[in-house]
């Protein structure tokens, strides 16, 4: 499984989702997307919902890493975000790092940043994804 596999699933099941999977590692996933006018608030700031969405996408992708397969029906159970500084730029990024995984859930933390400024996160998030029950 690699980032291209995730992006094929997105194109098939969630066209227009926005956040592409850029990289998958052993315990992390990176998501990114270029921003549209709809994501920008007055003053040129990236909206909170846009930052939340990219964090959620990265956490979803790291869920695939944790369980070893692409599972479109893994669902956000909980996600909290803390905005650290104004976000301005053309491309938004998020890296989710796996904290723990159980039979039914995956927990991770996410860093969100703009353009090539990974050293200056605009937000941090932590969340849990729940996995669908196994079919009998």
N, C-alpha and C. Protein backbone atom coordinates (compact mmCIF):
# COMPACT_ATOMS: atom_id res chain seq x y z
N UNK A 1 0.86 -1.18 0.00
CA UNK A 1 0.00 0.00 0.00
C UNK A 1 0.90 1.23 0.00
N UNK A 2 0.55 2.19 -0.86
CA UNK A 2 1.30 3.43 -0.91
C UNK A 2 0.34 4.60 -1.13
N UNK A 3 0.89 5.81 -1.19
CA UNK A 3 0.06 7.01 -1.34
C UNK A 3 -0.78 6.96 -2.61
N UNK A 4 -0.22 6.43 -3.69
CA UNK A 4 -0.98 6.35 -4.94
C UNK A 4 -2.21 5.46 -4.78
N UNK A 5 -2.09 4.37 -4.04
CA UNK A 5 -3.24 3.48 -3.80
C UNK A 5 -4.35 4.23 -3.05
N UNK A 6 -3.97 5.02 -2.07
CA UNK A 6 -4.95 5.81 -1.32
C UNK A 6 -5.62 6.83 -2.24
N UNK A 7 -4.84 7.49 -3.08
CA UNK A 7 -5.40 8.49 -3.98
C UNK A 7 -6.33 7.89 -5.03
N UNK A 8 -6.06 6.66 -5.46
CA UNK A 8 -6.97 5.96 -6.38
C UNK A 8 -8.30 5.70 -5.68
N UNK A 9 -8.26 5.25 -4.42
CA UNK A 9 -9.48 5.03 -3.66
C UNK A 9 -10.25 6.33 -3.49
N UNK A 10 -9.55 7.41 -3.19
CA UNK A 10 -10.21 8.71 -3.03
C UNK A 10 -10.92 9.12 -4.32
N UNK A 11 -10.24 8.99 -5.44
CA UNK A 11 -10.83 9.36 -6.73
C UNK A 11 -12.06 8.53 -7.04
N UNK A 12 -12.03 7.27 -6.65
CA UNK A 12 -13.14 6.36 -6.93
C UNK A 12 -14.33 6.58 -6.01
N UNK A 13 -14.07 6.70 -4.70
CA UNK A 13 -15.16 6.74 -3.72
C UNK A 13 -15.48 8.13 -3.17
N UNK A 14 -14.52 9.05 -3.24
CA UNK A 14 -14.70 10.38 -2.66
C UNK A 14 -14.18 11.46 -3.60
N UNK A 15 -14.69 11.51 -4.84
CA UNK A 15 -14.19 12.52 -5.77
C UNK A 15 -14.45 13.92 -5.21
N UNK A 16 -13.46 14.78 -5.35
CA UNK A 16 -13.60 16.13 -4.83
C UNK A 16 -13.27 16.25 -3.36
N UNK A 17 -12.72 15.18 -2.76
CA UNK A 17 -12.39 15.22 -1.33
C UNK A 17 -11.36 16.29 -1.02
N UNK A 18 -10.47 16.56 -1.94
CA UNK A 18 -9.54 17.66 -1.76
C UNK A 18 -8.17 17.28 -1.25
N UNK A 19 -8.06 16.58 -0.16
CA UNK A 19 -6.76 16.29 0.43
C UNK A 19 -6.14 15.03 -0.16
N UNK A 20 -5.04 15.18 -0.85
CA UNK A 20 -4.34 14.04 -1.40
C UNK A 20 -3.43 13.42 -0.37
N UNK A 21 -3.23 12.12 -0.48
CA UNK A 21 -2.24 11.44 0.33
C UNK A 21 -0.90 11.62 -0.37
N UNK A 22 0.08 12.16 0.33
CA UNK A 22 1.38 12.43 -0.25
C UNK A 22 2.39 11.35 0.10
N UNK A 23 2.31 10.84 1.32
CA UNK A 23 3.30 9.87 1.76
C UNK A 23 2.73 9.01 2.89
N UNK A 24 3.10 7.74 2.87
CA UNK A 24 2.78 6.82 3.95
C UNK A 24 4.08 6.23 4.46
N UNK A 25 4.27 6.22 5.77
CA UNK A 25 5.43 5.60 6.39
C UNK A 25 4.98 4.49 7.31
N UNK A 26 5.90 3.94 8.07
CA UNK A 26 5.57 2.85 8.98
C UNK A 26 4.60 3.28 10.08
N UNK A 27 4.71 4.54 10.52
CA UNK A 27 3.86 5.02 11.62
C UNK A 27 3.33 6.43 11.38
N UNK A 28 3.31 6.85 10.12
CA UNK A 28 2.84 8.21 9.81
C UNK A 28 2.22 8.28 8.43
N UNK A 29 1.49 9.37 8.20
CA UNK A 29 0.93 9.66 6.88
C UNK A 29 0.95 11.17 6.69
N UNK A 30 1.15 11.61 5.44
CA UNK A 30 1.18 13.03 5.11
C UNK A 30 0.11 13.30 4.07
N UNK A 31 -0.66 14.36 4.32
CA UNK A 31 -1.70 14.81 3.39
C UNK A 31 -1.40 16.25 2.98
N UNK A 32 -1.86 16.63 1.79
CA UNK A 32 -1.66 18.00 1.32
C UNK A 32 -2.68 18.35 0.27
N UNK A 33 -2.90 19.65 0.11
CA UNK A 33 -3.75 20.14 -0.95
C UNK A 33 -3.47 21.61 -1.21
N UNK A 34 -3.68 22.03 -2.45
CA UNK A 34 -3.61 23.45 -2.75
C UNK A 34 -4.90 24.08 -2.29
N UNK A 35 -4.83 25.32 -1.90
CA UNK A 35 -6.00 26.02 -1.36
C UNK A 35 -6.80 26.69 -2.47
N UNK A 36 -8.10 26.75 -2.25
CA UNK A 36 -8.98 27.47 -3.17
C UNK A 36 -9.46 28.74 -2.48
N UNK A 37 -10.12 29.60 -3.23
CA UNK A 37 -10.67 30.83 -2.67
C UNK A 37 -11.64 30.54 -1.53
N UNK A 38 -12.33 29.41 -1.61
CA UNK A 38 -13.31 29.05 -0.58
C UNK A 38 -12.66 28.79 0.78
N UNK A 39 -11.36 28.51 0.79
CA UNK A 39 -10.67 28.20 2.03
C UNK A 39 -10.08 29.43 2.72
N UNK A 40 -10.15 30.56 2.06
CA UNK A 40 -9.48 31.76 2.56
C UNK A 40 -10.48 32.72 3.20
N UNK A 41 -10.14 33.17 4.38
CA UNK A 41 -10.93 34.16 5.12
C UNK A 41 -10.40 35.56 4.81
N UNK A 42 -11.14 36.59 5.20
CA UNK A 42 -10.62 37.96 5.03
C UNK A 42 -9.23 38.09 5.66
N UNK A 43 -8.38 38.86 5.01
CA UNK A 43 -7.01 39.01 5.49
C UNK A 43 -6.07 37.97 4.92
N UNK A 44 -6.61 37.02 4.14
CA UNK A 44 -5.77 36.00 3.52
C UNK A 44 -5.47 34.81 4.41
N UNK A 45 -6.25 34.63 5.47
CA UNK A 45 -6.01 33.53 6.40
C UNK A 45 -6.79 32.28 5.99
N UNK A 46 -6.14 31.13 6.16
CA UNK A 46 -6.80 29.86 5.88
C UNK A 46 -7.80 29.59 7.00
N UNK A 47 -9.00 29.19 6.61
CA UNK A 47 -10.07 28.96 7.58
C UNK A 47 -9.76 27.79 8.52
N UNK A 48 -10.33 27.86 9.70
CA UNK A 48 -10.22 26.76 10.65
C UNK A 48 -10.78 25.45 10.12
N UNK A 49 -11.97 25.48 9.49
CA UNK A 49 -12.50 24.23 8.94
C UNK A 49 -11.57 23.58 7.89
N UNK A 50 -10.85 24.39 7.14
CA UNK A 50 -9.91 23.84 6.15
C UNK A 50 -8.76 23.14 6.86
N UNK A 51 -8.25 23.74 7.93
CA UNK A 51 -7.16 23.13 8.69
C UNK A 51 -7.66 21.85 9.38
N UNK A 52 -8.87 21.90 9.90
CA UNK A 52 -9.47 20.73 10.54
C UNK A 52 -9.59 19.59 9.52
N UNK A 53 -10.04 19.91 8.32
CA UNK A 53 -10.25 18.88 7.30
C UNK A 53 -8.96 18.19 6.90
N UNK A 54 -7.88 18.95 6.74
CA UNK A 54 -6.61 18.32 6.35
C UNK A 54 -6.07 17.47 7.49
N UNK A 55 -6.27 17.91 8.73
CA UNK A 55 -5.85 17.10 9.88
C UNK A 55 -6.63 15.79 9.92
N UNK A 56 -7.93 15.87 9.68
CA UNK A 56 -8.78 14.69 9.67
C UNK A 56 -8.35 13.73 8.57
N UNK A 57 -8.04 14.26 7.39
CA UNK A 57 -7.61 13.41 6.28
C UNK A 57 -6.31 12.68 6.61
N UNK A 58 -5.34 13.40 7.16
CA UNK A 58 -4.06 12.77 7.50
C UNK A 58 -4.26 11.67 8.55
N UNK A 59 -5.14 11.92 9.51
CA UNK A 59 -5.43 10.90 10.53
C UNK A 59 -6.10 9.68 9.91
N UNK A 60 -6.98 9.91 8.95
CA UNK A 60 -7.62 8.80 8.23
C UNK A 60 -6.56 7.97 7.50
N UNK A 61 -5.63 8.65 6.83
CA UNK A 61 -4.59 7.93 6.09
C UNK A 61 -3.67 7.14 7.03
N UNK A 62 -3.35 7.69 8.21
CA UNK A 62 -2.51 6.92 9.13
C UNK A 62 -3.28 5.73 9.70
N UNK A 63 -4.59 5.81 9.71
CA UNK A 63 -5.39 4.65 10.10
C UNK A 63 -5.14 3.49 9.14
N UNK A 64 -5.06 3.78 7.85
CA UNK A 64 -4.77 2.74 6.87
C UNK A 64 -3.41 2.09 7.15
N UNK A 65 -2.44 2.93 7.50
CA UNK A 65 -1.10 2.42 7.84
C UNK A 65 -1.20 1.48 9.05
N UNK A 66 -1.93 1.91 10.06
CA UNK A 66 -2.02 1.14 11.31
C UNK A 66 -2.66 -0.22 11.11
N UNK A 67 -3.67 -0.29 10.23
CA UNK A 67 -4.38 -1.56 10.06
C UNK A 67 -3.88 -2.35 8.86
N UNK A 68 -3.00 -1.75 8.06
CA UNK A 68 -2.38 -2.46 6.95
C UNK A 68 -3.25 -2.62 5.72
N UNK A 69 -4.29 -1.80 5.62
CA UNK A 69 -5.17 -1.86 4.43
C UNK A 69 -5.94 -0.54 4.32
N UNK A 70 -6.42 -0.26 3.14
CA UNK A 70 -7.26 0.92 2.93
C UNK A 70 -8.68 0.55 3.34
N UNK A 71 -9.22 1.27 4.30
CA UNK A 71 -10.56 1.00 4.82
C UNK A 71 -11.39 2.28 4.70
N UNK A 72 -12.13 2.43 3.57
CA UNK A 72 -12.91 3.65 3.36
C UNK A 72 -13.94 3.92 4.46
N UNK A 73 -14.39 2.88 5.15
CA UNK A 73 -15.44 3.06 6.15
C UNK A 73 -14.90 3.29 7.56
N UNK A 74 -13.60 3.48 7.71
CA UNK A 74 -13.08 3.91 9.01
C UNK A 74 -13.62 5.33 9.22
N UNK A 75 -14.09 5.61 10.43
CA UNK A 75 -14.78 6.87 10.69
C UNK A 75 -14.15 7.65 11.84
N UNK A 76 -14.20 8.96 11.73
CA UNK A 76 -13.72 9.81 12.82
C UNK A 76 -14.61 9.59 14.03
N UNK A 77 -13.99 9.24 15.14
CA UNK A 77 -14.71 9.07 16.39
C UNK A 77 -14.60 10.35 17.22
N UNK A 78 -13.41 10.95 17.18
CA UNK A 78 -13.15 12.16 17.96
C UNK A 78 -11.95 12.85 17.34
N UNK A 79 -12.00 14.17 17.27
CA UNK A 79 -10.87 14.95 16.77
C UNK A 79 -10.92 16.32 17.41
N UNK A 80 -9.84 16.69 18.06
CA UNK A 80 -9.75 18.04 18.64
C UNK A 80 -8.54 18.74 18.03
N UNK A 81 -8.67 20.04 17.86
CA UNK A 81 -7.62 20.82 17.21
C UNK A 81 -7.33 22.06 18.02
N UNK A 82 -6.09 22.45 18.02
CA UNK A 82 -5.66 23.67 18.68
C UNK A 82 -4.95 24.51 17.63
N UNK A 83 -5.47 25.70 17.38
CA UNK A 83 -4.88 26.60 16.40
C UNK A 83 -3.77 27.39 17.08
N UNK A 84 -2.59 27.40 16.48
CA UNK A 84 -1.41 27.98 17.10
C UNK A 84 -1.05 29.36 16.57
N UNK A 85 -1.28 29.58 15.28
CA UNK A 85 -0.92 30.86 14.66
C UNK A 85 -1.71 30.99 13.37
N UNK A 86 -1.81 32.19 12.82
CA UNK A 86 -2.52 32.36 11.55
C UNK A 86 -1.87 31.53 10.44
N UNK A 87 -2.69 30.96 9.61
CA UNK A 87 -2.22 30.14 8.49
C UNK A 87 -2.38 30.94 7.20
N UNK A 88 -1.27 31.16 6.52
CA UNK A 88 -1.30 31.85 5.24
C UNK A 88 -0.36 31.13 4.29
N UNK A 89 -0.77 31.00 3.04
CA UNK A 89 0.05 30.35 2.04
C UNK A 89 -0.79 29.80 0.92
N UNK A 90 -0.16 28.98 0.10
CA UNK A 90 -0.84 28.42 -1.07
C UNK A 90 -1.15 26.94 -0.94
N UNK A 91 -0.37 26.23 -0.15
CA UNK A 91 -0.55 24.78 0.02
C UNK A 91 -0.54 24.47 1.51
N UNK A 92 -1.49 23.64 1.91
CA UNK A 92 -1.59 23.22 3.31
C UNK A 92 -1.17 21.76 3.42
N UNK A 93 -0.48 21.45 4.50
CA UNK A 93 0.06 20.12 4.75
C UNK A 93 -0.36 19.64 6.13
N UNK A 94 -0.42 18.33 6.30
CA UNK A 94 -0.66 17.74 7.61
C UNK A 94 0.07 16.40 7.69
N UNK A 95 0.70 16.18 8.82
CA UNK A 95 1.35 14.90 9.08
C UNK A 95 0.71 14.30 10.32
N UNK A 96 0.19 13.08 10.17
CA UNK A 96 -0.39 12.35 11.30
C UNK A 96 0.60 11.28 11.74
N UNK A 97 0.84 11.23 13.03
CA UNK A 97 1.71 10.21 13.62
C UNK A 97 0.86 9.28 14.48
N UNK A 98 1.07 8.00 14.29
CA UNK A 98 0.32 6.98 15.02
C UNK A 98 0.74 6.96 16.48
N UNK A 99 -0.24 7.01 17.38
CA UNK A 99 0.03 6.89 18.81
C UNK A 99 -0.21 5.46 19.26
N UNK A 100 -1.38 4.92 18.91
CA UNK A 100 -1.71 3.54 19.27
C UNK A 100 -2.84 3.03 18.38
N UNK A 101 -2.90 1.73 18.24
CA UNK A 101 -3.97 1.10 17.48
C UNK A 101 -4.45 -0.14 18.23
N UNK A 102 -5.77 -0.30 18.28
CA UNK A 102 -6.37 -1.49 18.86
C UNK A 102 -7.19 -2.18 17.79
N UNK A 103 -7.89 -3.19 18.19
CA UNK A 103 -8.72 -3.94 17.24
C UNK A 103 -9.81 -3.06 16.63
N UNK A 104 -10.29 -2.05 17.39
CA UNK A 104 -11.42 -1.24 16.93
C UNK A 104 -11.12 0.23 16.72
N UNK A 105 -9.93 0.70 17.14
CA UNK A 105 -9.69 2.14 16.99
C UNK A 105 -8.21 2.44 16.77
N UNK A 106 -7.99 3.63 16.21
CA UNK A 106 -6.64 4.13 15.94
C UNK A 106 -6.57 5.55 16.48
N UNK A 107 -5.52 5.84 17.25
CA UNK A 107 -5.32 7.16 17.84
C UNK A 107 -4.03 7.75 17.28
N UNK A 108 -4.09 9.03 16.96
CA UNK A 108 -2.91 9.69 16.43
C UNK A 108 -2.89 11.17 16.72
N UNK A 109 -1.74 11.78 16.47
CA UNK A 109 -1.60 13.23 16.59
C UNK A 109 -1.19 13.79 15.24
N UNK A 110 -1.58 15.04 15.00
CA UNK A 110 -1.40 15.66 13.69
C UNK A 110 -0.79 17.04 13.84
N UNK A 111 0.12 17.36 12.95
CA UNK A 111 0.67 18.70 12.84
C UNK A 111 0.26 19.27 11.48
N UNK A 112 -0.22 20.51 11.47
CA UNK A 112 -0.67 21.18 10.23
C UNK A 112 0.25 22.37 9.99
N UNK A 113 0.67 22.58 8.74
CA UNK A 113 1.51 23.73 8.41
C UNK A 113 1.23 24.19 6.99
N UNK A 114 1.81 25.33 6.65
CA UNK A 114 1.61 25.94 5.33
C UNK A 114 2.90 25.88 4.52
N UNK A 115 2.74 25.67 3.20
CA UNK A 115 3.83 25.68 2.24
C UNK A 115 4.98 24.81 2.74
N UNK A 116 6.20 25.32 2.80
CA UNK A 116 7.34 24.50 3.21
C UNK A 116 7.75 24.78 4.65
N UNK A 117 6.83 25.26 5.46
CA UNK A 117 7.14 25.69 6.83
C UNK A 117 6.75 24.63 7.87
N UNK A 118 7.21 23.41 7.71
CA UNK A 118 6.87 22.36 8.67
C UNK A 118 7.39 22.67 10.07
N UNK A 119 8.36 23.57 10.16
CA UNK A 119 8.91 23.97 11.45
C UNK A 119 8.02 24.99 12.18
N UNK A 120 6.96 25.47 11.50
CA UNK A 120 6.04 26.44 12.10
C UNK A 120 4.60 25.97 11.95
N UNK A 121 4.20 24.99 12.77
CA UNK A 121 2.83 24.48 12.64
C UNK A 121 1.80 25.58 12.91
N UNK A 122 0.73 25.53 12.16
CA UNK A 122 -0.38 26.46 12.36
C UNK A 122 -1.43 25.87 13.28
N UNK A 123 -1.42 24.54 13.40
CA UNK A 123 -2.38 23.85 14.26
C UNK A 123 -1.82 22.48 14.63
N UNK A 124 -2.28 21.97 15.76
CA UNK A 124 -2.00 20.59 16.15
C UNK A 124 -3.33 19.96 16.52
N UNK A 125 -3.43 18.67 16.27
CA UNK A 125 -4.69 17.98 16.54
C UNK A 125 -4.39 16.59 17.09
N UNK A 126 -5.37 16.04 17.76
CA UNK A 126 -5.30 14.66 18.22
C UNK A 126 -6.67 14.06 18.00
N UNK A 127 -6.69 12.81 17.56
CA UNK A 127 -7.99 12.20 17.31
C UNK A 127 -7.96 10.70 17.29
N UNK A 128 -9.16 10.16 17.15
CA UNK A 128 -9.38 8.72 17.13
C UNK A 128 -10.26 8.36 15.94
N UNK A 129 -9.88 7.32 15.26
CA UNK A 129 -10.71 6.73 14.20
C UNK A 129 -11.21 5.39 14.70
N UNK A 130 -12.46 5.10 14.39
CA UNK A 130 -13.04 3.82 14.75
C UNK A 130 -13.17 2.98 13.50
N UNK A 131 -12.91 1.68 13.65
CA UNK A 131 -12.95 0.77 12.52
C UNK A 131 -14.28 0.06 12.45
N UNK A 132 -14.74 -0.27 11.24
CA UNK A 132 -16.02 -0.98 11.14
C UNK A 132 -15.90 -2.37 11.75
N UNK A 133 -17.02 -2.85 12.24
CA UNK A 133 -17.05 -4.20 12.80
C UNK A 133 -16.79 -5.21 11.68
N UNK A 134 -16.12 -6.28 12.05
CA UNK A 134 -15.88 -7.36 11.10
C UNK A 134 -17.21 -7.97 10.70
N UNK A 135 -17.33 -8.32 9.43
CA UNK A 135 -18.58 -8.96 8.96
C UNK A 135 -18.58 -10.42 9.40
N UNK A 136 -19.75 -10.85 9.83
CA UNK A 136 -19.89 -12.24 10.28
C UNK A 136 -19.94 -13.18 9.12
